[in-house]
N, C-alpha and C. Protein backbone atom coordinates (compact mmCIF):
# COMPACT_ATOMS: atom_id res chain seq x y z
N MET A 1 48.69 -137.18 -2.97
CA MET A 1 48.27 -136.18 -3.91
C MET A 1 48.62 -134.81 -3.29
N GLY A 2 49.37 -133.98 -4.02
CA GLY A 2 49.76 -132.66 -3.54
C GLY A 2 48.75 -131.65 -3.82
N TRP A 3 48.61 -130.67 -2.96
CA TRP A 3 47.68 -129.57 -3.15
C TRP A 3 48.45 -128.30 -3.52
N SER A 4 49.66 -128.41 -3.94
CA SER A 4 50.46 -127.23 -4.23
C SER A 4 49.86 -126.38 -5.29
N TRP A 5 49.14 -126.99 -6.18
CA TRP A 5 48.50 -126.16 -7.28
C TRP A 5 47.40 -125.24 -6.75
N LEU A 6 46.91 -125.47 -5.50
CA LEU A 6 45.93 -124.56 -4.94
C LEU A 6 46.54 -123.34 -4.30
N ARG A 7 47.85 -123.39 -3.94
CA ARG A 7 48.46 -122.26 -3.41
C ARG A 7 48.61 -121.11 -4.38
N PRO A 8 48.30 -119.95 -3.99
CA PRO A 8 48.47 -118.85 -4.93
C PRO A 8 49.96 -118.62 -5.21
N LYS A 9 50.29 -118.34 -6.53
CA LYS A 9 51.64 -118.03 -6.84
C LYS A 9 52.02 -116.63 -6.34
N VAL A 10 53.21 -116.50 -5.85
CA VAL A 10 53.68 -115.26 -5.33
C VAL A 10 54.02 -114.32 -6.50
N ASP A 11 53.59 -113.09 -6.37
CA ASP A 11 53.91 -112.08 -7.40
C ASP A 11 55.24 -111.42 -7.02
N TRP A 12 56.33 -112.00 -7.41
CA TRP A 12 57.65 -111.50 -7.05
C TRP A 12 57.86 -110.12 -7.71
N GLN A 13 57.22 -109.85 -8.82
CA GLN A 13 57.44 -108.54 -9.49
C GLN A 13 57.01 -107.38 -8.63
N ALA A 14 56.08 -107.59 -7.77
CA ALA A 14 55.55 -106.53 -6.91
C ALA A 14 56.51 -106.16 -5.76
N CYS A 15 57.50 -106.96 -5.52
CA CYS A 15 58.45 -106.76 -4.45
C CYS A 15 59.57 -105.84 -4.87
N SER A 16 60.15 -105.10 -3.91
CA SER A 16 61.31 -104.27 -4.21
C SER A 16 62.49 -105.21 -4.36
N SER A 17 63.54 -104.67 -4.93
CA SER A 17 64.75 -105.49 -5.08
C SER A 17 65.37 -105.92 -3.74
N GLN A 18 65.31 -105.00 -2.78
CA GLN A 18 65.82 -105.33 -1.42
C GLN A 18 65.00 -106.44 -0.81
N GLN A 19 63.71 -106.41 -1.02
CA GLN A 19 62.86 -107.50 -0.48
C GLN A 19 63.15 -108.78 -1.19
N LEU A 20 63.33 -108.72 -2.50
CA LEU A 20 63.62 -109.94 -3.24
C LEU A 20 64.97 -110.56 -2.76
N LEU A 21 65.93 -109.73 -2.50
CA LEU A 21 67.22 -110.26 -2.02
C LEU A 21 67.05 -110.93 -0.69
N SER A 22 66.27 -110.31 0.22
CA SER A 22 66.06 -110.90 1.52
C SER A 22 65.30 -112.23 1.43
N ILE A 23 64.30 -112.29 0.55
CA ILE A 23 63.54 -113.53 0.34
C ILE A 23 64.48 -114.59 -0.26
N TYR A 24 65.32 -114.22 -1.20
CA TYR A 24 66.18 -115.18 -1.80
C TYR A 24 67.15 -115.75 -0.77
N LEU A 25 67.70 -114.84 0.06
CA LEU A 25 68.68 -115.30 1.07
C LEU A 25 67.99 -116.21 2.09
N GLU A 26 66.74 -115.96 2.37
CA GLU A 26 66.02 -116.76 3.34
C GLU A 26 65.61 -118.15 2.80
N LYS A 27 65.08 -118.16 1.57
CA LYS A 27 64.49 -119.36 1.02
C LYS A 27 65.36 -120.04 -0.09
N ARG A 28 66.33 -119.28 -0.62
CA ARG A 28 67.15 -119.75 -1.76
C ARG A 28 66.25 -120.18 -2.95
N GLU A 29 65.24 -119.40 -3.17
CA GLU A 29 64.22 -119.67 -4.24
C GLU A 29 64.80 -119.12 -5.55
N PRO A 30 65.13 -119.99 -6.49
CA PRO A 30 65.71 -119.53 -7.80
C PRO A 30 64.82 -118.50 -8.56
N ALA A 31 63.50 -118.68 -8.40
CA ALA A 31 62.55 -117.77 -9.10
C ALA A 31 62.80 -116.29 -8.61
N VAL A 32 63.13 -116.08 -7.39
CA VAL A 32 63.38 -114.76 -6.89
C VAL A 32 64.59 -114.17 -7.53
N LEU A 33 65.68 -114.93 -7.59
CA LEU A 33 66.87 -114.47 -8.23
C LEU A 33 66.67 -114.18 -9.76
N THR A 34 65.79 -114.91 -10.33
CA THR A 34 65.48 -114.72 -11.73
C THR A 34 64.79 -113.35 -11.93
N VAL A 35 63.94 -112.97 -11.02
CA VAL A 35 63.34 -111.66 -11.14
C VAL A 35 64.37 -110.54 -11.02
N LEU A 36 65.29 -110.69 -10.05
CA LEU A 36 66.40 -109.72 -9.97
C LEU A 36 67.25 -109.66 -11.23
N PHE A 37 67.54 -110.80 -11.75
CA PHE A 37 68.30 -110.88 -13.01
C PHE A 37 67.58 -110.20 -14.16
N ASP A 38 66.22 -110.45 -14.25
CA ASP A 38 65.42 -109.86 -15.32
C ASP A 38 65.40 -108.34 -15.15
N ARG A 39 65.43 -107.84 -13.96
CA ARG A 39 65.44 -106.41 -13.72
C ARG A 39 66.75 -105.73 -14.11
N TYR A 40 67.90 -106.35 -13.79
CA TYR A 40 69.15 -105.67 -13.89
C TYR A 40 70.17 -106.36 -14.78
N GLY A 41 69.94 -107.59 -15.21
CA GLY A 41 70.93 -108.34 -16.00
C GLY A 41 71.35 -107.64 -17.26
N ASP A 42 70.40 -107.15 -18.08
CA ASP A 42 70.74 -106.49 -19.30
C ASP A 42 71.53 -105.18 -19.13
N ALA A 43 71.05 -104.40 -18.13
CA ALA A 43 71.72 -103.11 -17.83
C ALA A 43 73.16 -103.38 -17.37
N LEU A 44 73.34 -104.42 -16.51
CA LEU A 44 74.65 -104.72 -16.03
C LEU A 44 75.56 -105.23 -17.13
N TYR A 45 75.12 -106.06 -18.00
CA TYR A 45 75.90 -106.57 -19.14
C TYR A 45 76.21 -105.38 -20.07
N ARG A 46 75.28 -104.56 -20.37
CA ARG A 46 75.47 -103.44 -21.26
C ARG A 46 76.56 -102.53 -20.71
N TYR A 47 76.50 -102.25 -19.39
CA TYR A 47 77.52 -101.42 -18.72
C TYR A 47 78.92 -102.05 -18.87
N LEU A 48 79.02 -103.34 -18.63
CA LEU A 48 80.29 -104.03 -18.74
C LEU A 48 80.78 -104.10 -20.18
N LEU A 49 79.85 -104.28 -21.08
CA LEU A 49 80.21 -104.41 -22.56
C LEU A 49 80.82 -103.15 -23.09
N ARG A 50 80.46 -102.03 -22.51
CA ARG A 50 80.99 -100.74 -22.98
C ARG A 50 82.44 -100.53 -22.48
N SER A 51 82.89 -101.35 -21.55
CA SER A 51 84.24 -101.27 -21.06
C SER A 51 85.11 -102.47 -21.35
N ALA A 52 84.51 -103.53 -21.83
CA ALA A 52 85.22 -104.78 -22.07
C ALA A 52 84.69 -105.45 -23.31
N ASP A 53 85.38 -106.47 -23.78
CA ASP A 53 84.85 -107.24 -24.91
C ASP A 53 83.71 -108.14 -24.45
N ALA A 54 82.96 -108.70 -25.38
CA ALA A 54 81.74 -109.47 -25.03
C ALA A 54 82.03 -110.69 -24.09
N ALA A 55 83.13 -111.34 -24.33
CA ALA A 55 83.40 -112.51 -23.48
C ALA A 55 83.72 -112.13 -22.05
N LEU A 56 84.52 -111.06 -21.87
CA LEU A 56 84.86 -110.56 -20.53
C LEU A 56 83.63 -110.00 -19.85
N ALA A 57 82.83 -109.27 -20.62
CA ALA A 57 81.59 -108.68 -20.01
C ALA A 57 80.66 -109.77 -19.54
N ALA A 58 80.53 -110.83 -20.31
CA ALA A 58 79.64 -111.93 -19.92
C ALA A 58 80.23 -112.69 -18.69
N ASP A 59 81.54 -112.85 -18.66
CA ASP A 59 82.21 -113.53 -17.54
C ASP A 59 82.02 -112.76 -16.28
N ILE A 60 82.30 -111.45 -16.35
CA ILE A 60 82.18 -110.62 -15.14
C ILE A 60 80.74 -110.55 -14.65
N SER A 61 79.83 -110.41 -15.60
CA SER A 61 78.40 -110.39 -15.26
C SER A 61 78.01 -111.70 -14.52
N GLN A 62 78.45 -112.83 -15.00
CA GLN A 62 78.21 -114.08 -14.32
C GLN A 62 78.78 -114.12 -12.95
N GLN A 63 80.03 -113.68 -12.84
CA GLN A 63 80.71 -113.67 -11.53
C GLN A 63 79.99 -112.75 -10.57
N CYS A 64 79.43 -111.66 -11.08
CA CYS A 64 78.71 -110.69 -10.25
C CYS A 64 77.47 -111.36 -9.65
N TRP A 65 76.75 -112.08 -10.46
CA TRP A 65 75.52 -112.77 -9.90
C TRP A 65 75.84 -113.90 -8.97
N LEU A 66 77.00 -114.51 -9.19
CA LEU A 66 77.49 -115.57 -8.21
C LEU A 66 77.81 -114.87 -6.88
N ARG A 67 78.39 -113.66 -6.93
CA ARG A 67 78.69 -112.95 -5.69
C ARG A 67 77.43 -112.56 -4.96
N VAL A 68 76.42 -112.15 -5.73
CA VAL A 68 75.19 -111.81 -5.09
C VAL A 68 74.63 -113.07 -4.35
N MET A 69 74.71 -114.22 -4.95
CA MET A 69 74.21 -115.42 -4.33
C MET A 69 75.05 -115.78 -3.14
N GLU A 70 76.37 -115.60 -3.22
CA GLU A 70 77.29 -115.96 -2.13
C GLU A 70 77.31 -114.97 -0.98
N LEU A 71 77.34 -113.68 -1.33
CA LEU A 71 77.59 -112.57 -0.42
C LEU A 71 76.40 -111.72 -0.09
N GLY A 72 75.28 -112.16 -0.50
CA GLY A 72 74.05 -111.32 -0.36
C GLY A 72 73.80 -110.88 1.07
N GLU A 73 74.23 -111.65 2.04
CA GLU A 73 74.12 -111.32 3.46
C GLU A 73 74.83 -109.99 3.76
N GLN A 74 75.88 -109.67 2.99
CA GLN A 74 76.67 -108.48 3.24
C GLN A 74 75.96 -107.20 2.77
N PHE A 75 74.87 -107.36 2.04
CA PHE A 75 74.16 -106.15 1.57
C PHE A 75 73.54 -105.52 2.80
N ALA A 76 73.94 -104.33 3.15
CA ALA A 76 73.47 -103.67 4.39
C ALA A 76 72.18 -102.88 4.16
N GLY A 77 71.85 -102.65 2.90
CA GLY A 77 70.66 -101.85 2.63
C GLY A 77 70.89 -100.32 2.71
N ASN A 78 72.18 -99.93 2.74
CA ASN A 78 72.52 -98.49 2.78
C ASN A 78 72.41 -97.84 1.42
N SER A 79 72.18 -98.62 0.40
CA SER A 79 72.06 -98.12 -0.98
C SER A 79 70.99 -98.94 -1.69
N GLN A 80 70.71 -98.58 -2.89
CA GLN A 80 69.78 -99.35 -3.69
C GLN A 80 70.47 -100.70 -4.08
N PHE A 81 69.68 -101.71 -4.33
CA PHE A 81 70.29 -103.00 -4.78
C PHE A 81 71.09 -102.83 -6.06
N LYS A 82 70.55 -102.06 -6.97
CA LYS A 82 71.20 -101.82 -8.29
C LYS A 82 72.59 -101.17 -8.06
N THR A 83 72.68 -100.22 -7.17
CA THR A 83 73.93 -99.58 -6.85
C THR A 83 74.97 -100.58 -6.28
N TRP A 84 74.51 -101.45 -5.40
CA TRP A 84 75.33 -102.49 -4.81
C TRP A 84 75.79 -103.44 -5.90
N LEU A 85 74.88 -103.81 -6.75
CA LEU A 85 75.17 -104.79 -7.82
C LEU A 85 76.28 -104.18 -8.79
N PHE A 86 76.09 -102.95 -9.20
CA PHE A 86 77.05 -102.36 -10.11
C PHE A 86 78.42 -102.17 -9.40
N CYS A 87 78.39 -101.92 -8.15
CA CYS A 87 79.63 -101.77 -7.36
C CYS A 87 80.43 -103.05 -7.38
N ILE A 88 79.68 -104.19 -7.19
CA ILE A 88 80.28 -105.47 -7.31
C ILE A 88 80.93 -105.71 -8.66
N ALA A 89 80.15 -105.37 -9.70
CA ALA A 89 80.60 -105.53 -11.05
C ALA A 89 81.86 -104.71 -11.35
N ARG A 90 81.82 -103.47 -10.91
CA ARG A 90 82.98 -102.58 -11.06
C ARG A 90 84.23 -103.15 -10.33
N ASN A 91 84.05 -103.61 -9.14
CA ASN A 91 85.21 -104.18 -8.43
C ASN A 91 85.74 -105.46 -9.12
N LEU A 92 84.83 -106.31 -9.67
CA LEU A 92 85.29 -107.47 -10.37
C LEU A 92 86.02 -107.11 -11.66
N PHE A 93 85.54 -106.07 -12.36
CA PHE A 93 86.18 -105.58 -13.55
C PHE A 93 87.59 -105.08 -13.23
N ILE A 94 87.69 -104.27 -12.21
CA ILE A 94 89.01 -103.73 -11.79
C ILE A 94 89.97 -104.88 -11.44
N ASP A 95 89.45 -105.85 -10.66
CA ASP A 95 90.31 -106.99 -10.33
C ASP A 95 90.77 -107.72 -11.57
N GLU A 96 89.93 -107.94 -12.49
CA GLU A 96 90.27 -108.65 -13.75
C GLU A 96 91.26 -107.84 -14.55
N CYS A 97 91.03 -106.59 -14.67
CA CYS A 97 92.01 -105.76 -15.40
C CYS A 97 93.41 -105.71 -14.73
N ARG A 98 93.39 -105.65 -13.45
CA ARG A 98 94.66 -105.72 -12.74
C ARG A 98 95.30 -107.04 -12.96
N ARG A 99 94.54 -108.10 -12.91
CA ARG A 99 95.06 -109.44 -13.04
C ARG A 99 95.72 -109.58 -14.46
N GLN A 100 95.08 -109.04 -15.43
CA GLN A 100 95.53 -109.14 -16.78
C GLN A 100 96.52 -108.03 -17.18
N GLN A 101 96.72 -107.12 -16.24
CA GLN A 101 97.55 -105.92 -16.44
C GLN A 101 97.19 -105.25 -17.75
N ARG A 102 95.89 -105.10 -17.92
CA ARG A 102 95.39 -104.51 -19.23
C ARG A 102 95.33 -102.97 -19.19
N ILE A 103 95.25 -102.43 -18.01
CA ILE A 103 95.06 -100.98 -17.91
C ILE A 103 95.90 -100.39 -16.78
N GLU A 104 96.17 -99.15 -16.85
CA GLU A 104 96.80 -98.41 -15.72
C GLU A 104 95.69 -97.52 -15.17
N TRP A 105 95.52 -97.59 -13.89
CA TRP A 105 94.44 -96.75 -13.27
C TRP A 105 95.04 -95.39 -12.96
N LEU A 106 94.19 -94.42 -13.19
CA LEU A 106 94.56 -93.02 -12.86
C LEU A 106 94.33 -92.72 -11.45
N ASP A 107 95.29 -92.13 -10.80
CA ASP A 107 95.12 -91.75 -9.37
C ASP A 107 94.43 -90.38 -9.22
N ASN A 108 94.51 -89.57 -10.32
CA ASN A 108 94.01 -88.22 -10.25
C ASN A 108 93.23 -87.92 -11.50
N VAL A 109 92.01 -87.42 -11.36
CA VAL A 109 91.21 -87.10 -12.57
C VAL A 109 91.82 -86.09 -13.48
N ASP A 110 92.76 -85.24 -12.90
CA ASP A 110 93.41 -84.22 -13.73
C ASP A 110 94.42 -84.82 -14.70
N GLU A 111 94.80 -86.08 -14.44
CA GLU A 111 95.73 -86.72 -15.33
C GLU A 111 94.95 -87.39 -16.51
N LEU A 112 94.51 -86.61 -17.43
CA LEU A 112 93.73 -87.13 -18.55
C LEU A 112 94.62 -87.91 -19.44
N LEU A 113 94.11 -89.05 -19.96
CA LEU A 113 94.83 -89.79 -20.93
C LEU A 113 94.98 -89.02 -22.22
N ASP A 114 96.08 -89.15 -22.87
CA ASP A 114 96.28 -88.43 -24.11
C ASP A 114 95.64 -89.27 -25.25
N VAL A 115 94.42 -88.96 -25.60
CA VAL A 115 93.71 -89.72 -26.56
C VAL A 115 93.43 -88.76 -27.74
N ALA A 116 94.09 -88.98 -28.84
CA ALA A 116 93.89 -88.13 -29.99
C ALA A 116 92.58 -88.55 -30.74
N PRO A 117 91.70 -87.60 -31.00
CA PRO A 117 90.52 -87.94 -31.72
C PRO A 117 90.85 -88.44 -33.15
N GLN A 118 90.22 -89.49 -33.54
CA GLN A 118 90.43 -90.02 -34.85
C GLN A 118 89.25 -89.62 -35.75
N ALA A 119 89.38 -88.43 -36.38
CA ALA A 119 88.32 -87.90 -37.19
C ALA A 119 87.94 -88.83 -38.34
N GLU A 120 88.90 -89.56 -38.92
CA GLU A 120 88.64 -90.44 -40.00
C GLU A 120 87.61 -91.53 -39.61
N GLN A 121 87.76 -92.03 -38.44
CA GLN A 121 86.83 -93.10 -37.93
C GLN A 121 85.45 -92.52 -37.70
N ILE A 122 85.38 -91.26 -37.22
CA ILE A 122 84.09 -90.63 -36.92
C ILE A 122 83.35 -90.41 -38.25
N ILE A 123 84.09 -89.95 -39.30
CA ILE A 123 83.47 -89.67 -40.59
C ILE A 123 82.85 -90.94 -41.15
N THR A 124 83.47 -92.07 -40.99
CA THR A 124 83.07 -93.33 -41.61
C THR A 124 81.84 -93.92 -40.91
N LEU A 125 81.54 -93.48 -39.72
CA LEU A 125 80.41 -94.01 -39.01
C LEU A 125 79.10 -93.53 -39.69
N GLN A 126 78.19 -94.43 -39.87
CA GLN A 126 76.96 -94.13 -40.55
C GLN A 126 75.86 -93.55 -39.70
N LEU A 127 75.77 -94.00 -38.44
CA LEU A 127 74.70 -93.64 -37.57
C LEU A 127 75.26 -92.84 -36.36
N GLN A 128 74.49 -91.94 -35.87
CA GLN A 128 74.87 -91.16 -34.70
C GLN A 128 75.10 -92.05 -33.51
N GLY A 129 74.39 -93.12 -33.35
CA GLY A 129 74.55 -94.08 -32.23
C GLY A 129 75.98 -94.61 -32.17
N HIS A 130 76.54 -94.89 -33.36
CA HIS A 130 77.91 -95.36 -33.46
C HIS A 130 78.92 -94.28 -33.07
N ALA A 131 78.54 -93.02 -33.48
CA ALA A 131 79.45 -91.88 -33.13
C ALA A 131 79.47 -91.69 -31.60
N VAL A 132 78.33 -91.83 -30.94
CA VAL A 132 78.29 -91.63 -29.54
C VAL A 132 79.05 -92.75 -28.87
N ASP A 133 78.85 -94.00 -29.26
CA ASP A 133 79.62 -95.13 -28.68
C ASP A 133 81.12 -94.94 -28.89
N ALA A 134 81.49 -94.48 -30.08
CA ALA A 134 82.89 -94.30 -30.39
C ALA A 134 83.48 -93.19 -29.49
N ALA A 135 82.73 -92.11 -29.32
CA ALA A 135 83.21 -90.99 -28.52
C ALA A 135 83.36 -91.48 -27.04
N ILE A 136 82.41 -92.19 -26.58
CA ILE A 136 82.45 -92.69 -25.20
C ILE A 136 83.65 -93.63 -25.02
N ALA A 137 83.93 -94.48 -26.00
CA ALA A 137 85.01 -95.37 -25.90
C ALA A 137 86.40 -94.67 -25.84
N ARG A 138 86.46 -93.42 -26.37
CA ARG A 138 87.70 -92.69 -26.33
C ARG A 138 87.87 -91.90 -25.04
N LEU A 139 86.86 -91.87 -24.18
CA LEU A 139 86.98 -91.19 -22.96
C LEU A 139 88.03 -91.84 -22.04
N PRO A 140 88.75 -91.10 -21.31
CA PRO A 140 89.60 -91.70 -20.27
C PRO A 140 88.75 -92.65 -19.36
N LEU A 141 89.33 -93.69 -18.89
CA LEU A 141 88.62 -94.79 -18.24
C LEU A 141 87.71 -94.28 -17.10
N LEU A 142 88.22 -93.43 -16.22
CA LEU A 142 87.43 -93.00 -15.03
C LEU A 142 86.25 -92.11 -15.47
N GLN A 143 86.44 -91.30 -16.55
CA GLN A 143 85.36 -90.48 -17.05
C GLN A 143 84.27 -91.36 -17.74
N ARG A 144 84.79 -92.33 -18.50
CA ARG A 144 83.85 -93.25 -19.23
C ARG A 144 83.03 -93.99 -18.17
N GLU A 145 83.64 -94.41 -17.14
CA GLU A 145 82.93 -95.18 -16.13
C GLU A 145 81.80 -94.30 -15.54
N ALA A 146 82.13 -93.05 -15.21
CA ALA A 146 81.12 -92.15 -14.61
C ALA A 146 79.95 -91.87 -15.58
N ILE A 147 80.26 -91.62 -16.86
CA ILE A 147 79.22 -91.30 -17.82
C ILE A 147 78.40 -92.55 -18.11
N LEU A 148 79.01 -93.69 -18.18
CA LEU A 148 78.23 -94.95 -18.40
C LEU A 148 77.23 -95.22 -17.20
N LEU A 149 77.68 -94.95 -16.01
CA LEU A 149 76.86 -95.13 -14.86
C LEU A 149 75.68 -94.13 -14.90
N GLN A 150 75.98 -92.92 -15.30
CA GLN A 150 74.92 -91.90 -15.41
C GLN A 150 73.91 -92.27 -16.51
N LEU A 151 74.37 -92.84 -17.62
CA LEU A 151 73.51 -93.29 -18.68
C LEU A 151 72.63 -94.49 -18.19
N GLU A 152 73.11 -95.20 -17.19
CA GLU A 152 72.32 -96.33 -16.68
C GLU A 152 71.32 -95.81 -15.65
N GLY A 153 71.30 -94.49 -15.38
CA GLY A 153 70.28 -93.93 -14.48
C GLY A 153 70.70 -93.70 -13.07
N PHE A 154 71.97 -93.87 -12.73
CA PHE A 154 72.42 -93.64 -11.40
C PHE A 154 72.53 -92.19 -11.11
N SER A 155 72.21 -91.78 -9.87
CA SER A 155 72.35 -90.37 -9.42
C SER A 155 73.83 -90.14 -9.13
N LEU A 156 74.16 -88.84 -8.96
CA LEU A 156 75.50 -88.44 -8.64
C LEU A 156 76.02 -89.12 -7.35
N ALA A 157 75.15 -89.20 -6.37
CA ALA A 157 75.51 -89.83 -5.11
C ALA A 157 75.81 -91.31 -5.31
N GLU A 158 74.99 -91.96 -6.13
CA GLU A 158 75.17 -93.40 -6.40
C GLU A 158 76.46 -93.66 -7.23
N ILE A 159 76.70 -92.78 -8.18
CA ILE A 159 78.01 -92.88 -8.98
C ILE A 159 79.14 -92.78 -8.02
N ALA A 160 79.11 -91.79 -7.13
CA ALA A 160 80.23 -91.62 -6.20
C ALA A 160 80.42 -92.86 -5.32
N GLN A 161 79.30 -93.43 -4.85
CA GLN A 161 79.35 -94.61 -4.03
C GLN A 161 79.89 -95.81 -4.82
N ILE A 162 79.50 -96.04 -6.05
CA ILE A 162 79.95 -97.14 -6.80
C ILE A 162 81.45 -97.01 -7.06
N CYS A 163 81.89 -95.79 -7.44
CA CYS A 163 83.29 -95.52 -7.82
C CYS A 163 84.20 -95.32 -6.55
N ARG A 164 83.53 -95.25 -5.40
CA ARG A 164 84.29 -95.05 -4.15
C ARG A 164 85.06 -93.75 -4.13
N VAL A 165 84.40 -92.70 -4.59
CA VAL A 165 84.96 -91.36 -4.56
C VAL A 165 83.98 -90.37 -4.00
N GLY A 166 84.39 -89.16 -3.71
CA GLY A 166 83.50 -88.16 -3.22
C GLY A 166 82.57 -87.65 -4.37
N GLU A 167 81.50 -87.05 -3.99
CA GLU A 167 80.56 -86.52 -4.99
C GLU A 167 81.18 -85.47 -5.90
N GLU A 168 82.03 -84.67 -5.34
CA GLU A 168 82.73 -83.62 -6.13
C GLU A 168 83.62 -84.22 -7.20
N THR A 169 84.30 -85.29 -6.84
CA THR A 169 85.15 -86.00 -7.80
C THR A 169 84.29 -86.62 -8.90
N ALA A 170 83.16 -87.25 -8.48
CA ALA A 170 82.23 -87.84 -9.48
C ALA A 170 81.71 -86.75 -10.43
N LYS A 171 81.36 -85.61 -9.86
CA LYS A 171 80.81 -84.53 -10.61
C LYS A 171 81.88 -83.97 -11.63
N SER A 172 83.12 -83.90 -11.17
CA SER A 172 84.22 -83.45 -11.99
C SER A 172 84.39 -84.39 -13.16
N ARG A 173 84.42 -85.69 -12.87
CA ARG A 173 84.55 -86.69 -13.96
C ARG A 173 83.45 -86.58 -15.01
N LEU A 174 82.25 -86.37 -14.47
CA LEU A 174 81.08 -86.24 -15.41
C LEU A 174 81.25 -84.95 -16.27
N ARG A 175 81.67 -83.88 -15.67
CA ARG A 175 81.87 -82.64 -16.38
C ARG A 175 82.92 -82.79 -17.46
N TYR A 176 84.06 -83.36 -17.14
CA TYR A 176 85.10 -83.61 -18.15
C TYR A 176 84.58 -84.49 -19.24
N ALA A 177 83.88 -85.49 -18.88
CA ALA A 177 83.29 -86.39 -19.90
C ALA A 177 82.33 -85.69 -20.82
N ARG A 178 81.44 -84.97 -20.26
CA ARG A 178 80.46 -84.24 -21.10
C ARG A 178 81.17 -83.23 -22.03
N ASP A 179 82.16 -82.53 -21.49
CA ASP A 179 82.92 -81.56 -22.32
C ASP A 179 83.60 -82.31 -23.49
N PHE A 180 84.20 -83.41 -23.18
CA PHE A 180 84.91 -84.19 -24.22
C PHE A 180 83.90 -84.68 -25.29
N LEU A 181 82.80 -85.14 -24.82
CA LEU A 181 81.73 -85.66 -25.74
C LEU A 181 81.19 -84.61 -26.61
N LYS A 182 80.96 -83.39 -26.03
CA LYS A 182 80.48 -82.25 -26.84
C LYS A 182 81.45 -81.90 -27.99
N VAL A 183 82.74 -81.87 -27.68
CA VAL A 183 83.73 -81.65 -28.73
C VAL A 183 83.68 -82.72 -29.76
N GLN A 184 83.71 -84.02 -29.32
CA GLN A 184 83.80 -85.12 -30.23
C GLN A 184 82.52 -85.23 -31.11
N LEU A 185 81.40 -85.11 -30.49
CA LEU A 185 80.13 -85.20 -31.21
C LEU A 185 79.92 -83.96 -32.05
N GLY A 186 80.40 -82.78 -31.66
CA GLY A 186 80.33 -81.61 -32.44
C GLY A 186 81.10 -81.75 -33.73
N GLU A 187 82.35 -82.33 -33.62
CA GLU A 187 83.19 -82.61 -34.80
C GLU A 187 82.47 -83.64 -35.69
N TRP A 188 81.86 -84.63 -35.16
CA TRP A 188 81.15 -85.67 -35.97
C TRP A 188 80.00 -84.96 -36.69
N HIS A 189 79.24 -84.12 -35.98
CA HIS A 189 78.07 -83.45 -36.56
C HIS A 189 78.51 -82.56 -37.73
N ASP A 190 79.62 -81.81 -37.51
CA ASP A 190 80.11 -80.95 -38.52
C ASP A 190 80.53 -81.67 -39.78
N GLN A 191 81.25 -82.82 -39.55
CA GLN A 191 81.76 -83.66 -40.65
C GLN A 191 80.62 -84.37 -41.33
N ALA A 192 79.64 -84.84 -40.59
CA ALA A 192 78.54 -85.55 -41.20
C ALA A 192 77.63 -84.67 -42.00
N GLY A 193 77.60 -83.37 -41.59
CA GLY A 193 76.74 -82.47 -42.32
C GLY A 193 77.34 -81.94 -43.58
N ARG A 194 78.57 -82.21 -43.84
CA ARG A 194 79.22 -81.76 -45.11
C ARG A 194 78.86 -82.58 -46.25
């Protein structure tokens, strides 16, 4: 007869993400990984979904969690767990895009993609949420990446770390993105108000 029911259950929710990763790596306890997934799974998928289709976002998200399980020992603790997780996801996304030759990466933030605003599409959108999503989707890739990370709550330093650029470059990308969004959403607001 086992007495396991007498042992108090561990409150994994009270642990920091770094502690949970350490515990998972030591004990390989699936419940610990579940807590991490509950904390960050939706945000990670949402971030990927804004840059890829649903199938690719789900696939990369799954690959990301597999990497956490396989390579968790490599987490040095120099950043927050969420920053490290999103960095893994970004790298997997880049690798997949390169593999599929779906995009060309910009080497310089000054080389903005020539994206003509499609006013007709903005007018047909019924809700402001759709207008914001549409404007974000038209951002050049590197700017979109920076603004999406900021929307996920990352600091400027964390965005720079995830994107592997200096803070000034990350700040510049965010500024260009905000300027573009102001213009796009201003046009939407003007047209919607008519």
